[in-house]
Protein backbone atom coordinates (compact mmCIF):
# COMPACT_ATOMS: atom_id res chain seq x y z
CA MET A 1 -23.02 -12.07 15.42
CA ALA A 2 -22.43 -12.39 11.69
CA ARG A 3 -19.08 -13.76 10.71
CA SER A 4 -16.68 -11.18 9.27
CA ARG A 5 -15.97 -11.68 5.60
CA THR A 6 -12.34 -12.09 4.52
CA VAL A 7 -11.06 -11.15 1.08
CA PHE A 8 -7.51 -10.97 -0.19
CA LEU A 9 -6.31 -7.64 -1.56
CA CYS A 10 -3.38 -7.24 -3.98
CA SER A 11 -0.92 -4.64 -2.71
CA SER A 12 0.22 -3.94 -6.27
CA CYS A 13 -3.01 -3.35 -8.22
CA GLY A 14 -5.75 -3.37 -5.54
CA ASN A 15 -7.62 -6.34 -7.01
CA GLU A 16 -9.74 -8.42 -4.60
CA ALA A 17 -9.61 -12.23 -4.61
CA PRO A 18 -11.91 -14.56 -2.62
CA ARG A 19 -9.00 -16.74 -1.43
CA TRP A 20 -5.25 -16.53 -1.12
CA GLN A 21 -3.05 -17.65 -3.97
CA GLY A 22 0.57 -17.10 -4.83
CA GLN A 23 -0.03 -14.98 -7.91
CA CYS A 24 -2.48 -12.11 -8.33
CA PRO A 25 -4.92 -13.09 -11.12
CA ALA A 26 -5.28 -9.46 -12.26
CA CYS A 27 -1.71 -8.09 -12.52
CA GLY A 28 0.34 -11.29 -12.34
CA GLU A 29 2.54 -10.17 -9.41
CA TRP A 30 3.67 -12.84 -6.96
CA ASN A 31 3.12 -12.86 -3.17
CA THR A 32 1.12 -9.61 -3.13
CA LEU A 33 -2.23 -10.90 -1.79
CA ASN A 34 -2.94 -9.92 1.83
CA ALA A 35 -5.94 -10.67 4.01
CA PHE A 36 -8.47 -7.84 4.23
CA HIS A 37 -11.49 -7.77 6.56
CA PRO A 38 -13.98 -5.18 5.28
CA PRO A 39 -16.33 -3.72 7.88
CA ALA A 40 -19.80 -5.18 8.04
CA ALA A 41 -22.32 -3.62 5.72
CA SER A 42 -24.54 -2.63 8.66
CA ALA A 43 -21.67 -0.60 10.14
CA ARG A 44 -21.26 1.41 6.96
CA ARG A 45 -24.91 1.76 5.88
CA PRO A 46 -26.72 4.70 7.54
CA ALA A 47 -30.33 4.46 8.67
CA ALA A 48 -33.03 5.22 6.09
CA GLY A 49 -34.01 8.50 7.73
CA ALA A 50 -30.43 9.66 8.15
CA ALA A 51 -29.65 8.76 4.55
CA ALA A 52 -32.55 10.87 3.29
CA ALA A 53 -31.54 13.81 5.48
CA SER A 54 -27.91 13.70 4.34
CA ALA A 55 -28.58 13.06 0.64
CA PRO A 56 -26.19 15.18 -1.45
CA ARG A 57 -27.55 18.07 -3.47
CA THR A 58 -26.69 18.29 -7.16
CA GLN A 59 -24.87 21.42 -8.33
CA GLY A 60 -24.49 23.05 -11.70
CA LEU A 61 -21.03 23.47 -13.15
CA ALA A 62 -21.56 27.22 -13.56
CA GLU A 63 -22.22 27.57 -9.81
CA LEU A 64 -18.71 26.51 -8.89
CA ALA A 65 -15.86 28.95 -8.36
CA THR A 66 -13.07 28.45 -10.86
CA ASP A 67 -10.32 30.70 -9.49
CA ASP A 68 -7.36 29.60 -7.36
CA SER A 69 -7.88 32.24 -4.67
CA GLN A 70 -8.99 29.56 -2.20
CA ARG A 71 -5.63 27.80 -2.28
CA LEU A 72 -3.84 27.90 1.05
CA LEU A 73 -0.14 28.83 0.86
CA THR A 74 2.14 26.58 2.90
CA GLY A 75 4.77 29.20 3.69
CA LEU A 76 7.33 27.48 1.44
CA ALA A 77 7.23 28.65 -2.18
CA GLU A 78 8.95 25.49 -3.46
CA PHE A 79 6.36 23.30 -1.71
CA ASP A 80 3.55 25.45 -3.14
CA ARG A 81 5.07 24.99 -6.62
CA VAL A 82 4.95 21.19 -6.29
CA LEU A 83 1.34 21.33 -5.08
CA GLY A 84 0.34 23.50 -8.03
CA GLY A 85 0.03 26.78 -6.13
CA GLY A 86 -0.84 25.69 -2.58
CA LEU A 87 -3.19 23.33 -0.77
CA VAL A 88 -6.72 23.02 -2.16
CA ALA A 89 -9.62 22.81 0.29
CA GLY A 90 -10.89 19.24 0.55
CA SER A 91 -7.81 17.74 -1.11
CA VAL A 92 -5.85 14.74 0.17
CA THR A 93 -2.08 14.71 -0.35
CA LEU A 94 0.16 11.71 0.27
CA ILE A 95 3.90 12.31 0.72
CA GLY A 96 6.46 9.51 1.00
CA GLY A 97 10.20 9.15 1.34
CA GLU A 98 12.96 7.26 3.09
CA PRO A 99 13.25 7.44 6.89
CA GLY A 100 14.96 10.61 8.08
CA ILE A 101 14.77 12.39 4.73
CA GLY A 102 12.69 15.27 6.12
CA LYS A 103 8.98 14.47 5.64
CA SER A 104 7.96 15.37 9.20
CA THR A 105 10.26 18.40 9.18
CA LEU A 106 8.73 19.77 5.99
CA LEU A 107 5.15 19.29 7.15
CA LEU A 108 5.79 20.69 10.64
CA GLN A 109 7.30 23.83 9.09
CA SER A 110 4.39 24.15 6.67
CA ALA A 111 1.76 23.43 9.33
CA ALA A 112 3.25 26.07 11.63
CA ALA A 113 3.19 28.65 8.83
CA MET A 114 -0.41 27.82 7.84
CA SER A 115 -1.62 27.92 11.44
CA ALA A 116 -1.19 31.71 11.38
CA GLN A 117 -3.99 31.84 8.77
CA VAL A 118 -6.32 28.92 9.59
CA ALA A 119 -6.78 26.26 12.26
CA VAL A 120 -4.32 23.38 11.72
CA LEU A 121 -4.19 20.04 13.56
CA TYR A 122 -0.99 17.96 13.49
CA ALA A 123 -1.83 14.37 14.50
CA THR A 124 1.15 12.12 15.19
CA GLY A 125 1.01 8.40 15.79
CA GLU A 126 4.77 7.84 15.95
CA GLU A 127 5.89 10.48 18.45
CA SER A 128 4.65 12.08 21.61
CA VAL A 129 3.48 15.67 21.70
CA ARG A 130 6.62 16.57 23.63
CA GLN A 131 8.87 15.11 20.93
CA VAL A 132 7.10 17.15 18.27
CA GLY A 133 7.48 20.22 20.50
CA LEU A 134 11.23 19.67 20.77
CA ARG A 135 11.50 19.50 16.98
CA ALA A 136 9.43 22.67 16.68
CA GLN A 137 11.90 24.45 19.00
CA ARG A 138 14.82 23.33 16.84
CA LEU A 139 13.03 24.58 13.74
CA GLY A 140 12.18 27.90 15.37
CA VAL A 141 8.39 27.50 15.07
CA ALA A 142 7.55 26.75 18.72
CA GLY A 143 5.45 29.91 19.01
CA ALA A 144 3.04 29.03 16.20
CA PRO A 145 -0.66 28.53 17.13
CA LEU A 146 -0.54 24.93 15.91
CA ARG A 147 -2.65 22.23 17.63
CA LEU A 148 -0.90 18.89 18.31
CA LEU A 149 -2.47 15.49 18.97
CA ALA A 150 -0.79 12.16 19.75
CA GLU A 151 -3.37 9.57 18.67
CA THR A 152 -3.63 6.48 16.45
CA SER A 153 -7.43 6.11 16.30
CA VAL A 154 -8.90 7.57 13.12
CA GLU A 155 -12.22 8.19 14.85
CA GLN A 156 -10.56 10.16 17.65
CA VAL A 157 -8.45 12.19 15.20
CA LEU A 158 -11.50 13.12 13.12
CA ALA A 159 -13.49 14.04 16.24
CA GLN A 160 -10.71 16.31 17.48
CA SER A 161 -10.32 17.84 14.02
CA GLU A 162 -14.02 18.72 13.87
CA ALA A 163 -13.98 20.05 17.44
CA ALA A 164 -11.01 22.31 16.65
CA GLY A 165 -12.53 23.45 13.35
CA ALA A 166 -9.32 22.45 11.56
CA ARG A 167 -9.01 23.46 7.92
CA VAL A 168 -5.75 21.51 7.53
CA LEU A 169 -5.16 18.06 9.04
CA VAL A 170 -1.68 16.48 8.98
CA ILE A 171 -1.40 12.72 9.68
CA ASP A 172 2.06 11.44 10.65
CA SER A 173 1.87 8.72 9.50
CA ILE A 174 -0.96 6.80 7.77
CA GLN A 175 0.71 3.46 8.66
CA THR A 176 0.18 4.13 12.38
CA MET A 177 -3.53 4.93 12.05
CA ALA A 178 -6.25 2.35 12.77
CA THR A 179 -10.03 2.38 12.73
CA GLU A 180 -12.06 0.82 15.53
CA SER A 181 -14.33 -0.98 13.06
CA LEU A 182 -11.55 -3.45 12.17
CA GLU A 183 -9.69 -5.82 14.48
CA SER A 184 -6.47 -6.06 12.46
CA ALA A 185 -3.29 -4.29 13.54
CA ALA A 186 -2.34 -0.80 12.39
CA GLY A 187 -0.33 -0.85 9.20
CA SER A 188 -2.08 -3.91 7.76
CA VAL A 189 -3.60 -3.73 4.29
CA SER A 190 -7.15 -3.65 5.63
CA GLN A 191 -6.39 -0.89 8.16
CA LEU A 192 -4.52 1.22 5.61
CA ARG A 193 -7.33 1.01 3.11
CA GLU A 194 -10.15 1.70 5.57
CA ALA A 195 -8.30 4.46 7.48
CA ALA A 196 -7.41 6.24 4.26
CA ALA A 197 -10.99 5.91 3.00
CA ARG A 198 -12.36 7.57 6.14
CA LEU A 199 -9.85 10.41 5.94
CA VAL A 200 -10.65 10.98 2.26
CA SER A 201 -14.38 10.98 3.04
CA HIS A 202 -13.83 13.51 5.83
CA ALA A 203 -11.81 15.78 3.53
CA LYS A 204 -14.44 15.79 0.78
CA ARG A 205 -17.33 16.25 3.20
CA SER A 206 -15.86 19.01 5.38
CA GLY A 207 -13.51 20.77 2.94
CA THR A 208 -10.52 20.08 5.18
CA ALA A 209 -7.17 19.70 3.40
CA VAL A 210 -5.62 16.43 4.60
CA VAL A 211 -1.89 15.68 4.26
CA LEU A 212 -0.72 12.10 4.89
CA ILE A 213 2.85 10.93 5.51
CA GLY A 214 3.52 7.45 4.15
CA HIS A 215 6.33 4.99 4.80
CA VAL A 216 8.17 3.57 1.80
CA THR A 217 9.29 0.02 1.05
CA LYS A 218 12.83 -1.05 0.16
CA GLU A 219 11.88 -0.59 -3.50
CA GLY A 220 11.21 3.10 -2.78
CA VAL A 221 7.41 3.08 -3.23
CA ILE A 222 4.83 3.96 -0.60
CA ALA A 223 4.03 0.94 1.57
CA GLY A 224 0.55 -0.52 1.46
CA PRO A 225 -1.94 -1.33 -1.29
CA ARG A 226 -1.48 0.49 -4.58
CA VAL A 227 -5.09 1.61 -4.32
CA LEU A 228 -3.93 4.02 -1.59
CA GLU A 229 -2.29 6.21 -4.25
CA HIS A 230 -5.43 6.09 -6.39
CA MET A 231 -7.61 7.31 -3.52
CA VAL A 232 -5.70 10.53 -2.86
CA ASP A 233 -5.50 13.66 -5.02
CA SER A 234 -1.73 14.17 -4.99
CA VAL A 235 1.24 11.87 -4.45
CA LEU A 236 4.61 13.44 -3.64
CA TYR A 237 7.96 11.73 -3.17
CA PHE A 238 11.06 12.95 -1.36
CA GLU A 239 14.26 12.20 -3.29
CA SER A 240 17.85 12.63 -2.14
CA ASP A 241 21.30 11.35 -2.94
CA SER A 242 22.87 9.56 0.03
CA GLY A 243 25.06 11.98 1.96
CA SER A 244 23.68 15.05 0.17
CA ARG A 245 22.03 17.87 2.09
CA PHE A 246 19.77 18.69 -0.84
CA ARG A 247 16.25 17.31 -1.06
CA VAL A 248 13.94 17.13 -4.08
CA VAL A 249 10.16 16.84 -3.65
CA ARG A 250 8.57 15.47 -6.82
CA ALA A 251 4.86 15.27 -7.68
CA VAL A 252 4.15 11.95 -9.41
CA LYS A 253 0.39 12.56 -9.32
CA ASN A 254 -1.44 15.85 -8.94
CA ARG A 255 -5.07 16.54 -9.76
CA PHE A 256 -4.60 20.27 -9.13
CA GLY A 257 -1.28 20.98 -10.84
CA ALA A 258 1.46 19.72 -13.09
CA ALA A 259 2.67 16.17 -12.55
CA ASN A 260 6.44 15.68 -12.32
CA GLU A 261 6.87 19.18 -10.86
CA ILE A 262 9.76 19.42 -8.41
CA GLY A 263 10.72 21.59 -5.47
CA VAL A 264 14.30 21.78 -4.24
CA PHE A 265 15.30 22.20 -0.59
CA ALA A 266 18.51 22.24 1.42
CA MET A 267 18.55 20.59 4.85
CA ASP A 268 20.41 22.33 7.68
CA GLU A 269 20.22 22.36 11.47
CA HIS A 270 17.24 24.71 11.37
CA GLY A 271 15.17 22.63 8.95
CA LEU A 272 14.51 22.75 5.23
CA LYS A 273 15.44 25.88 3.30
CA GLU A 274 14.19 26.65 -0.18
CA VAL A 275 16.58 26.59 -3.12
CA ARG A 276 15.26 29.22 -5.54
CA ASN A 277 17.89 28.57 -8.25
CA PRO A 278 18.40 24.79 -8.51
CA SER A 279 20.74 25.13 -11.50
CA ALA A 280 23.31 26.69 -9.18
CA ILE A 281 23.58 23.51 -7.09
CA PHE A 282 23.37 20.96 -9.90
CA LEU A 283 26.09 22.71 -11.90
CA SER A 284 29.64 22.29 -10.62
CA ARG A 285 31.67 24.62 -12.79
CA HIS A 286 35.19 23.25 -13.12
CA GLU A 287 38.18 25.57 -13.03
CA GLU A 288 39.22 24.06 -16.37
CA PRO A 289 37.14 21.99 -18.82
CA VAL A 290 37.37 18.25 -18.08
CA ALA A 291 36.74 15.28 -20.34
CA GLY A 292 33.49 13.35 -19.94
CA SER A 293 31.38 16.28 -18.72
CA VAL A 294 28.61 18.19 -20.51
CA VAL A 295 25.73 20.43 -19.39
CA THR A 296 22.15 19.85 -20.48
CA VAL A 297 18.86 21.66 -19.83
CA ALA A 298 16.25 19.40 -18.24
CA ARG A 299 12.60 20.30 -17.86
CA GLU A 300 10.99 19.25 -14.61
CA GLY A 301 7.32 20.11 -14.45
CA THR A 302 7.12 23.78 -15.47
CA ARG A 303 10.73 24.80 -14.89
CA GLN A 304 13.95 24.52 -16.87
CA MET A 305 16.95 23.32 -14.90
CA LEU A 306 20.60 23.07 -15.91
CA VAL A 307 22.31 19.86 -14.82
CA GLU A 308 25.69 18.32 -15.50
CA VAL A 309 25.92 14.86 -17.06
CA GLN A 310 29.20 13.00 -16.54
CA ALA A 311 30.48 9.85 -18.23
CA LEU A 312 33.54 7.68 -17.63
CA VAL A 313 34.61 5.29 -20.40
CA ASP A 314 37.37 2.85 -19.51
CA ALA A 315 38.79 -0.28 -21.10
CA SER A 316 37.09 -3.40 -19.77
CA HIS A 317 38.92 -6.59 -18.82
CA ALA A 318 35.72 -8.54 -18.17
CA THR A 319 33.81 -10.73 -20.60
CA SER A 320 30.74 -8.50 -20.31
CA PRO A 321 31.51 -4.76 -20.07
CA ARG A 322 29.64 -2.88 -17.38
CA ARG A 323 26.92 -0.31 -18.06
CA VAL A 324 26.19 1.65 -14.88
CA ALA A 325 23.83 4.64 -14.75
CA VAL A 326 23.04 6.87 -11.77
CA GLY A 327 20.11 9.21 -12.31
CA LEU A 328 19.30 7.71 -15.72
CA ASP A 329 17.75 4.54 -17.14
CA ALA A 330 20.52 1.93 -17.57
CA ASN A 331 18.60 0.12 -20.34
CA ARG A 332 18.37 3.31 -22.35
CA ILE A 333 22.12 3.89 -21.93
CA ALA A 334 22.80 0.49 -23.51
CA MET A 335 20.47 1.36 -26.40
CA LEU A 336 22.17 4.72 -26.99
CA LEU A 337 25.61 3.10 -27.09
CA ALA A 338 24.35 0.70 -29.75
CA VAL A 339 23.06 3.66 -31.81
CA LEU A 340 26.45 5.37 -31.43
CA HIS A 341 28.20 2.29 -32.80
CA ARG A 342 25.76 1.61 -35.63
CA HIS A 343 25.27 5.17 -36.93
CA ALA A 344 28.45 7.01 -35.91
CA GLY A 345 31.00 4.22 -36.13
CA VAL A 346 32.13 4.58 -32.50
CA GLY A 347 32.14 1.20 -30.75
CA LEU A 348 32.30 0.86 -26.98
CA HIS A 349 31.76 -2.92 -26.78
CA GLY A 350 35.18 -3.33 -25.15
CA HIS A 351 34.74 -0.55 -22.59
CA ASP A 352 33.00 -0.09 -19.27
CA VAL A 353 30.66 2.92 -19.34
CA PHE A 354 29.61 4.77 -16.18
CA VAL A 355 27.13 7.65 -16.44
CA ASN A 356 26.13 9.97 -13.61
CA VAL A 357 23.84 12.99 -13.20
CA VAL A 358 25.48 15.42 -10.77
CA GLY A 359 23.57 16.44 -7.64
CA GLY A 360 21.40 13.35 -7.17
CA VAL A 361 18.65 14.49 -9.53
CA ARG A 362 17.02 11.87 -11.78
CA LEU A 363 16.35 12.61 -15.45
CA ASN A 364 13.33 10.79 -16.89
CA GLU A 365 12.99 12.60 -20.21
CA THR A 366 14.58 11.69 -23.52
CA ALA A 367 16.24 15.12 -23.88
CA SER A 368 19.23 13.66 -22.02
CA ASP A 369 20.07 11.24 -24.87
CA LEU A 370 22.41 13.54 -26.79
CA PRO A 371 24.25 14.82 -23.66
CA VAL A 372 24.91 11.22 -22.56
CA LEU A 373 26.51 10.34 -25.88
CA ALA A 374 28.43 13.63 -25.96
CA ALA A 375 29.87 12.93 -22.49
CA ALA A 376 30.76 9.34 -23.45
CA LEU A 377 32.56 10.50 -26.62
CA SER A 378 34.42 13.15 -24.65
CA SER A 379 35.61 10.60 -22.08
CA LEU A 380 36.57 8.04 -24.73
CA GLN A 381 38.71 10.55 -26.62
CA SER A 382 40.03 12.23 -23.42
CA ARG A 383 39.02 15.54 -24.95
CA ALA A 384 37.14 18.15 -22.94
CA LEU A 385 34.12 19.85 -24.44
CA PRO A 386 33.95 23.66 -24.29
CA ALA A 387 32.82 24.97 -20.90
CA GLU A 388 30.26 27.29 -22.51
CA LEU A 389 28.58 24.42 -24.44
CA VAL A 390 25.10 23.07 -23.68
CA CYS A 391 23.22 20.36 -25.59
CA PHE A 392 19.98 18.38 -25.50
CA GLY A 393 18.01 16.14 -27.85
CA GLU A 394 16.39 12.74 -28.25
CA VAL A 395 18.25 10.06 -30.21
CA GLY A 396 16.23 7.58 -32.26
CA LEU A 397 17.16 4.02 -33.20
CA ALA A 398 17.71 5.11 -36.80
CA GLY A 399 20.33 7.59 -35.64
CA GLU A 400 18.09 10.63 -36.09
CA ILE A 401 18.16 13.49 -33.58
CA ARG A 402 14.55 14.19 -32.65
CA PRO A 403 13.21 17.44 -31.17
CA VAL A 404 12.15 17.80 -27.55
CA PRO A 405 9.41 20.01 -26.05
CA PHE A 406 10.13 23.63 -25.05
CA GLY A 407 13.40 23.84 -26.94
CA GLU A 408 13.51 27.63 -27.15
CA GLU A 409 12.74 28.03 -23.44
CA ARG A 410 15.63 25.68 -22.63
CA LEU A 411 18.02 27.71 -24.76
CA ARG A 412 16.99 30.98 -23.11
CA GLU A 413 17.53 29.45 -19.68
CA ALA A 414 21.03 28.35 -20.71
CA ALA A 415 21.80 31.80 -22.10
CA LYS A 416 20.80 33.38 -18.77
CA HIS A 417 23.49 31.27 -17.08
CA GLY A 418 26.23 32.37 -19.44
CA PHE A 419 26.32 29.53 -22.00
CA ARG A 420 27.35 30.70 -25.45
CA ARG A 421 27.15 27.56 -27.62
CA ALA A 422 24.43 24.96 -28.06
CA VAL A 423 24.03 21.75 -30.07
CA VAL A 424 20.34 20.89 -30.38
CA PRO A 425 17.97 19.04 -32.78
CA LYS A 426 17.48 20.94 -36.03
CA ALA A 427 13.74 21.13 -35.35
CA ASN A 428 14.47 22.95 -32.06
CA LEU A 429 16.36 25.84 -33.68
CA PRO A 430 14.88 29.11 -32.31
CA ARG A 431 12.70 31.21 -34.60
CA LYS A 432 14.68 34.29 -33.62
CA PRO A 433 18.40 34.36 -32.76
CA ILE A 434 19.17 34.25 -29.03
CA GLU A 435 21.47 37.09 -28.07
CA GLY A 436 24.97 35.94 -27.24
CA MET A 437 24.40 32.29 -28.16
CA ALA A 438 25.44 30.36 -31.26
CA VAL A 439 23.03 27.47 -31.84
CA THR A 440 23.92 24.52 -34.08
CA GLY A 441 21.10 22.27 -35.32
CA VAL A 442 21.78 18.60 -36.07
CA ALA A 443 19.49 16.02 -37.68
CA HIS A 444 21.58 12.83 -37.46
CA MET A 445 24.03 11.22 -35.08
CA ALA A 446 26.93 11.67 -37.50
CA GLU A 447 26.22 15.41 -37.67
CA ALA A 448 26.10 15.62 -33.89
CA VAL A 449 29.50 13.89 -33.56
CA ALA A 450 30.99 16.38 -36.04
CA ALA A 451 29.40 19.39 -34.28
CA LEU A 452 30.76 18.29 -30.88
CA ARG A 453 34.38 18.17 -32.07
């Protein structure tokens, strides 16, 4: 027998190296090279006659259907929103999240709903069929015509999927799957890469929509080689604040929809329930206005969402004042405080600054710059901002207030929720007045500080 070849695969960038070394030569990360035993070429290369018979046929672009009518609805509108309108035939979706956050619950609910329309196979490598059945009873979907399979062999799962004529295949989870062509243990880099490759090939060949559950590392990213995320069509992440019953599903990659789209769910004893109006849960209206709190309008994917940004500024007795951010980038907070000092004359070098986004949501866009500084000023001066005020805008290093995308849509969303005043970049002033809302445009940090008084 020919000796099996061993290469070393970087779990960060997917680069292959002929031997192990401490640092990946491609991306520079340390201790990321893992042994990988690719299957022998003879095991992957079909016979000459079979190759000729199965040669793919070229197709013209005009022959392909371009409508979205073939998308399969999952039964949860928020999940469909994240996917871009539903599952696409032949697509591969990878969903990750912390243990116990609700990945299996979400997919079992969706699989049960889809099984009323098409054949669905739910393959679990972590639980027995009976355990999945008990969860289905708790979720109230025990009567769904869903097929269950407890198996860790990729070959067996694919054989059962083809025998059942499944149009949707759910794998729980990809880390438990192993292919018989490799001798390494399930969950290893080589098994993850080869098992995922076979599932992707099956999806593209048969038109089956495949959904994979992935474990995450302590850093919060999906375990395994980074190439795993490049192989699939969509990558979704479950997010949640510790102790909160609300869950956010975010698309970080989507070939069939908007990236960074989110869906909001609430977890209860009967499973995940959709939250149709996320602004209602991320806004905690106080009985009276409080210092250090301001409302902004964030844009996540294709939706506007009102969230509350809070700041606490307190005198520091340490040599180095603390800068703590929850739901925001801490490095950007430090930069914004420097801009506030340089261009508005408000110095916080002797104060600890704590910034928090209410509800556990994370803001990645620069539209949160102005609200952060407004909340910090309010806390420093112990002066509450008006309850009907909303603001957004990007702050530049020169102290300028820069416009953000979809400014008018953000203002209309705020007006729908009863906000009557807005401080926004001058370039985001609406072309037509918004009924019931007074909008103030600012071009510099000094103007913004005056408008927020």
